[in-house]
Amino acid sequence: MANITLPVAKISDWPSFHAVSADTFGFPDFYGHNNNAWIDCLSYLADDDGMSSIVLADSEVLFLNLPGFDAFQHRYPDIAAGLVECVDAVNDRYVAGGDIPRLVLIPQ
């Protein structure tokens, strides 16, 4: 079981969402800073191919802790909804490939 904290208090718009995500997940320098690139990078957590500094073992899930998520969701509902949609898209990719969902959101 892997855990990581996405500090949503540092996010105020889409550019900051992608900057914080890049730092938190250790995305590569060529990360595109858009939702499609976010989904792409997190779709390879089990491959150890440099798309993230996080590498998951077989059947391991990444618990994504979101401290202050209720307040964040109230202030930035479009970004909060976008995060949930991106996580769903990543998990859909894993399932479509015969794997288990790999990301679990933990609002705190």
N, C-alpha and C. Protein backbone atom coordinates (compact mmCIF):
# COMPACT_ATOMS: atom_id res chain seq x y z
N MET A 1 0.84 -1.17 0.00
CA MET A 1 0.00 0.00 0.00
C MET A 1 0.89 1.24 0.00
N ALA A 2 0.65 2.12 -0.95
CA ALA A 2 1.41 3.36 -1.04
C ALA A 2 0.49 4.54 -0.72
N ASN A 3 1.04 5.54 -0.09
CA ASN A 3 0.29 6.75 0.27
C ASN A 3 1.05 7.96 -0.20
N ILE A 4 0.30 8.94 -0.66
CA ILE A 4 0.89 10.22 -1.03
C ILE A 4 -0.13 11.30 -0.70
N THR A 5 0.34 12.49 -0.40
CA THR A 5 -0.55 13.61 -0.09
C THR A 5 -0.45 14.65 -1.19
N LEU A 6 -1.59 14.97 -1.76
CA LEU A 6 -1.67 16.07 -2.73
C LEU A 6 -2.12 17.30 -1.95
N PRO A 7 -1.25 18.28 -1.77
CA PRO A 7 -1.58 19.45 -0.95
C PRO A 7 -2.51 20.42 -1.70
N VAL A 8 -3.80 20.13 -1.65
CA VAL A 8 -4.76 20.92 -2.42
C VAL A 8 -4.82 22.38 -1.96
N ALA A 9 -4.35 22.68 -0.76
CA ALA A 9 -4.32 24.06 -0.28
C ALA A 9 -3.40 24.93 -1.14
N LYS A 10 -2.47 24.31 -1.86
CA LYS A 10 -1.55 25.04 -2.74
C LYS A 10 -2.12 25.25 -4.14
N ILE A 11 -3.33 24.76 -4.38
CA ILE A 11 -3.93 24.82 -5.71
C ILE A 11 -4.99 25.91 -5.75
N SER A 12 -4.88 26.79 -6.75
CA SER A 12 -5.86 27.88 -6.89
C SER A 12 -6.38 28.01 -8.31
N ASP A 13 -5.78 27.29 -9.24
CA ASP A 13 -6.20 27.32 -10.64
C ASP A 13 -5.60 26.10 -11.33
N TRP A 14 -5.92 25.93 -12.62
CA TRP A 14 -5.41 24.75 -13.33
C TRP A 14 -3.88 24.73 -13.43
N PRO A 15 -3.23 25.87 -13.72
CA PRO A 15 -1.76 25.81 -13.76
C PRO A 15 -1.14 25.38 -12.42
N SER A 16 -1.70 25.85 -11.31
CA SER A 16 -1.15 25.43 -10.01
C SER A 16 -1.49 23.98 -9.72
N PHE A 17 -2.65 23.49 -10.17
CA PHE A 17 -2.98 22.07 -10.02
C PHE A 17 -1.91 21.21 -10.70
N HIS A 18 -1.55 21.59 -11.90
CA HIS A 18 -0.56 20.79 -12.63
C HIS A 18 0.84 20.95 -12.06
N ALA A 19 1.18 22.13 -11.58
CA ALA A 19 2.50 22.33 -10.97
C ALA A 19 2.61 21.52 -9.68
N VAL A 20 1.58 21.58 -8.84
CA VAL A 20 1.59 20.81 -7.59
C VAL A 20 1.60 19.32 -7.88
N SER A 21 0.83 18.90 -8.86
CA SER A 21 0.79 17.47 -9.23
C SER A 21 2.15 17.01 -9.73
N ALA A 22 2.78 17.81 -10.59
CA ALA A 22 4.09 17.45 -11.13
C ALA A 22 5.10 17.26 -10.00
N ASP A 23 5.05 18.16 -9.02
CA ASP A 23 5.97 18.07 -7.89
C ASP A 23 5.63 16.87 -7.00
N THR A 24 4.35 16.69 -6.70
CA THR A 24 3.91 15.62 -5.80
C THR A 24 4.18 14.24 -6.37
N PHE A 25 3.87 14.05 -7.64
CA PHE A 25 3.99 12.72 -8.25
C PHE A 25 5.34 12.50 -8.94
N GLY A 26 6.15 13.53 -9.02
CA GLY A 26 7.45 13.38 -9.66
C GLY A 26 7.33 13.12 -11.15
N PHE A 27 6.45 13.89 -11.81
CA PHE A 27 6.30 13.75 -13.25
C PHE A 27 7.58 14.17 -13.97
N PRO A 28 7.81 13.67 -15.16
CA PRO A 28 9.04 14.02 -15.90
C PRO A 28 9.01 15.48 -16.37
N ASP A 29 10.18 15.98 -16.72
CA ASP A 29 10.31 17.38 -17.16
C ASP A 29 9.44 17.70 -18.37
N PHE A 30 9.16 16.70 -19.20
CA PHE A 30 8.36 16.95 -20.40
C PHE A 30 6.85 16.86 -20.14
N TYR A 31 6.44 16.76 -18.88
CA TYR A 31 5.02 16.71 -18.52
C TYR A 31 4.29 17.88 -19.17
N GLY A 32 3.16 17.60 -19.78
CA GLY A 32 2.43 18.59 -20.57
C GLY A 32 1.56 19.56 -19.82
N HIS A 33 1.43 19.43 -18.50
CA HIS A 33 0.63 20.34 -17.68
C HIS A 33 -0.80 20.48 -18.19
N ASN A 34 -1.42 19.35 -18.50
CA ASN A 34 -2.83 19.32 -18.86
C ASN A 34 -3.41 17.99 -18.36
N ASN A 35 -4.71 17.88 -18.38
CA ASN A 35 -5.35 16.69 -17.80
C ASN A 35 -5.00 15.41 -18.55
N ASN A 36 -4.87 15.48 -19.87
CA ASN A 36 -4.49 14.28 -20.62
C ASN A 36 -3.10 13.80 -20.22
N ALA A 37 -2.18 14.73 -20.04
CA ALA A 37 -0.83 14.35 -19.62
C ALA A 37 -0.84 13.78 -18.19
N TRP A 38 -1.67 14.34 -17.31
CA TRP A 38 -1.81 13.85 -15.94
C TRP A 38 -2.26 12.40 -15.97
N ILE A 39 -3.29 12.13 -16.77
CA ILE A 39 -3.81 10.77 -16.91
C ILE A 39 -2.74 9.84 -17.48
N ASP A 40 -2.05 10.30 -18.51
CA ASP A 40 -1.00 9.48 -19.11
C ASP A 40 0.08 9.11 -18.09
N CYS A 41 0.58 10.10 -17.35
CA CYS A 41 1.66 9.83 -16.40
C CYS A 41 1.24 8.83 -15.33
N LEU A 42 0.03 8.95 -14.82
CA LEU A 42 -0.40 8.07 -13.74
C LEU A 42 -0.93 6.73 -14.23
N SER A 43 -0.99 6.56 -15.53
CA SER A 43 -1.42 5.28 -16.09
C SER A 43 -0.28 4.26 -16.18
N TYR A 44 0.92 4.66 -15.73
CA TYR A 44 2.08 3.78 -15.82
C TYR A 44 2.77 3.60 -14.47
N LEU A 45 2.01 3.67 -13.39
CA LEU A 45 2.59 3.56 -12.05
C LEU A 45 3.25 2.22 -11.77
N ALA A 46 2.85 1.19 -12.47
CA ALA A 46 3.43 -0.13 -12.24
C ALA A 46 4.55 -0.46 -13.21
N ASP A 47 4.89 0.47 -14.08
CA ASP A 47 5.84 0.17 -15.15
C ASP A 47 7.27 0.65 -14.89
N ASP A 48 7.48 1.50 -13.90
CA ASP A 48 8.81 2.03 -13.59
C ASP A 48 9.51 2.54 -14.85
N ASP A 49 8.79 3.39 -15.60
CA ASP A 49 9.33 3.91 -16.85
C ASP A 49 9.64 5.40 -16.80
N GLY A 50 9.64 5.98 -15.60
CA GLY A 50 10.01 7.38 -15.46
C GLY A 50 8.87 8.37 -15.63
N MET A 51 7.64 7.88 -15.77
CA MET A 51 6.51 8.80 -15.92
C MET A 51 6.09 9.39 -14.57
N SER A 52 6.58 8.81 -13.49
CA SER A 52 6.32 9.28 -12.14
C SER A 52 7.43 8.74 -11.25
N SER A 53 7.67 9.45 -10.17
CA SER A 53 8.67 8.93 -9.22
C SER A 53 8.09 7.82 -8.36
N ILE A 54 6.80 7.59 -8.48
CA ILE A 54 6.12 6.53 -7.73
C ILE A 54 6.04 5.27 -8.60
N VAL A 55 6.42 4.15 -8.03
CA VAL A 55 6.32 2.87 -8.72
C VAL A 55 5.57 1.91 -7.81
N LEU A 56 4.49 1.34 -8.33
CA LEU A 56 3.68 0.42 -7.55
C LEU A 56 4.03 -1.03 -7.88
N ALA A 57 3.97 -1.86 -6.88
CA ALA A 57 4.17 -3.30 -7.07
C ALA A 57 2.89 -3.91 -7.64
N ASP A 58 2.96 -5.16 -8.05
CA ASP A 58 1.77 -5.86 -8.53
C ASP A 58 0.66 -5.79 -7.49
N SER A 59 -0.52 -5.43 -7.94
CA SER A 59 -1.73 -5.35 -7.09
C SER A 59 -1.63 -4.29 -5.99
N GLU A 60 -0.68 -3.40 -6.07
CA GLU A 60 -0.57 -2.33 -5.07
C GLU A 60 -1.39 -1.12 -5.54
N VAL A 61 -2.01 -0.45 -4.58
CA VAL A 61 -2.79 0.74 -4.88
C VAL A 61 -2.13 1.96 -4.26
N LEU A 62 -2.39 3.10 -4.86
CA LEU A 62 -1.87 4.37 -4.36
C LEU A 62 -3.03 5.13 -3.73
N PHE A 63 -2.93 5.34 -2.43
CA PHE A 63 -3.93 6.13 -1.72
C PHE A 63 -3.51 7.59 -1.80
N LEU A 64 -4.36 8.40 -2.37
CA LEU A 64 -4.09 9.82 -2.59
C LEU A 64 -4.83 10.62 -1.53
N ASN A 65 -4.09 11.05 -0.50
CA ASN A 65 -4.67 11.82 0.59
C ASN A 65 -4.87 13.27 0.16
N LEU A 66 -6.04 13.80 0.46
CA LEU A 66 -6.41 15.15 0.05
C LEU A 66 -6.84 15.95 1.28
N PRO A 67 -5.88 16.47 2.06
CA PRO A 67 -6.26 17.24 3.26
C PRO A 67 -6.96 18.54 2.87
N GLY A 68 -8.05 18.84 3.57
CA GLY A 68 -8.81 20.06 3.30
C GLY A 68 -9.61 20.00 2.01
N PHE A 69 -9.96 18.79 1.58
CA PHE A 69 -10.63 18.66 0.29
C PHE A 69 -12.00 19.32 0.27
N ASP A 70 -12.75 19.26 1.36
CA ASP A 70 -14.08 19.88 1.37
C ASP A 70 -13.99 21.38 1.08
N ALA A 71 -13.08 22.06 1.74
CA ALA A 71 -12.90 23.50 1.50
C ALA A 71 -12.41 23.75 0.08
N PHE A 72 -11.48 22.92 -0.38
CA PHE A 72 -10.97 23.04 -1.75
C PHE A 72 -12.10 22.85 -2.76
N GLN A 73 -12.92 21.85 -2.55
CA GLN A 73 -14.03 21.57 -3.45
C GLN A 73 -15.03 22.72 -3.47
N HIS A 74 -15.21 23.37 -2.34
CA HIS A 74 -16.11 24.52 -2.26
C HIS A 74 -15.55 25.72 -3.03
N ARG A 75 -14.24 25.96 -2.87
CA ARG A 75 -13.60 27.10 -3.54
C ARG A 75 -13.39 26.88 -5.03
N TYR A 76 -13.03 25.67 -5.40
CA TYR A 76 -12.68 25.38 -6.80
C TYR A 76 -13.40 24.11 -7.27
N PRO A 77 -14.71 24.19 -7.41
CA PRO A 77 -15.47 22.98 -7.76
C PRO A 77 -15.09 22.37 -9.10
N ASP A 78 -14.70 23.20 -10.07
CA ASP A 78 -14.32 22.66 -11.38
C ASP A 78 -13.01 21.87 -11.32
N ILE A 79 -12.07 22.34 -10.51
CA ILE A 79 -10.79 21.63 -10.39
C ILE A 79 -10.99 20.34 -9.58
N ALA A 80 -11.78 20.41 -8.52
CA ALA A 80 -12.06 19.22 -7.72
C ALA A 80 -12.75 18.16 -8.58
N ALA A 81 -13.73 18.56 -9.37
CA ALA A 81 -14.42 17.62 -10.25
C ALA A 81 -13.46 17.08 -11.30
N GLY A 82 -12.58 17.93 -11.81
CA GLY A 82 -11.60 17.50 -12.79
C GLY A 82 -10.64 16.47 -12.22
N LEU A 83 -10.24 16.65 -10.98
CA LEU A 83 -9.37 15.68 -10.32
C LEU A 83 -10.06 14.32 -10.23
N VAL A 84 -11.30 14.32 -9.81
CA VAL A 84 -12.06 13.06 -9.69
C VAL A 84 -12.18 12.41 -11.06
N GLU A 85 -12.47 13.20 -12.09
CA GLU A 85 -12.59 12.66 -13.45
C GLU A 85 -11.27 12.08 -13.94
N CYS A 86 -10.18 12.74 -13.64
CA CYS A 86 -8.86 12.24 -14.05
C CYS A 86 -8.54 10.92 -13.36
N VAL A 87 -8.83 10.83 -12.06
CA VAL A 87 -8.60 9.58 -11.33
C VAL A 87 -9.46 8.47 -11.93
N ASP A 88 -10.71 8.78 -12.24
CA ASP A 88 -11.59 7.78 -12.87
C ASP A 88 -11.01 7.31 -14.20
N ALA A 89 -10.49 8.24 -14.99
CA ALA A 89 -9.91 7.89 -16.29
C ALA A 89 -8.69 7.00 -16.13
N VAL A 90 -7.84 7.30 -15.15
CA VAL A 90 -6.66 6.47 -14.89
C VAL A 90 -7.10 5.06 -14.50
N ASN A 91 -8.04 4.98 -13.56
CA ASN A 91 -8.50 3.67 -13.12
C ASN A 91 -9.19 2.90 -14.24
N ASP A 92 -9.92 3.58 -15.10
CA ASP A 92 -10.55 2.93 -16.26
C ASP A 92 -9.49 2.31 -17.16
N ARG A 93 -8.38 3.00 -17.34
CA ARG A 93 -7.30 2.45 -18.16
C ARG A 93 -6.73 1.17 -17.57
N TYR A 94 -6.51 1.20 -16.25
CA TYR A 94 -5.98 0.00 -15.61
C TYR A 94 -6.95 -1.18 -15.77
N VAL A 95 -8.22 -0.93 -15.51
CA VAL A 95 -9.23 -1.99 -15.61
C VAL A 95 -9.34 -2.50 -17.04
N ALA A 96 -9.32 -1.59 -18.00
CA ALA A 96 -9.40 -2.00 -19.41
C ALA A 96 -8.22 -2.88 -19.80
N GLY A 97 -7.09 -2.69 -19.13
CA GLY A 97 -5.90 -3.49 -19.40
C GLY A 97 -5.85 -4.78 -18.58
N GLY A 98 -6.92 -5.09 -17.86
CA GLY A 98 -6.96 -6.32 -17.07
C GLY A 98 -6.38 -6.19 -15.68
N ASP A 99 -6.13 -4.99 -15.25
CA ASP A 99 -5.54 -4.74 -13.94
C ASP A 99 -6.63 -4.29 -12.97
N ILE A 100 -6.24 -3.97 -11.75
CA ILE A 100 -7.15 -3.42 -10.76
C ILE A 100 -7.07 -1.90 -10.81
N PRO A 101 -8.10 -1.19 -10.29
CA PRO A 101 -7.97 0.25 -10.15
C PRO A 101 -6.78 0.54 -9.23
N ARG A 102 -5.94 1.50 -9.60
CA ARG A 102 -4.72 1.74 -8.85
C ARG A 102 -4.74 2.99 -7.97
N LEU A 103 -5.71 3.90 -8.21
CA LEU A 103 -5.77 5.14 -7.44
C LEU A 103 -7.02 5.18 -6.56
N VAL A 104 -6.83 5.57 -5.31
CA VAL A 104 -7.95 5.73 -4.38
C VAL A 104 -7.84 7.11 -3.76
N LEU A 105 -8.90 7.92 -3.91
CA LEU A 105 -8.92 9.25 -3.30
C LEU A 105 -9.37 9.14 -1.86
N ILE A 106 -8.65 9.85 -0.99
CA ILE A 106 -8.98 9.89 0.44
C ILE A 106 -9.18 11.36 0.83
N PRO A 107 -10.41 11.88 0.66
CA PRO A 107 -10.66 13.28 1.09
C PRO A 107 -10.55 13.35 2.61
N GLN A 108 -9.89 14.38 3.09
CA GLN A 108 -9.73 14.54 4.54
C GLN A 108 -10.21 15.91 4.97
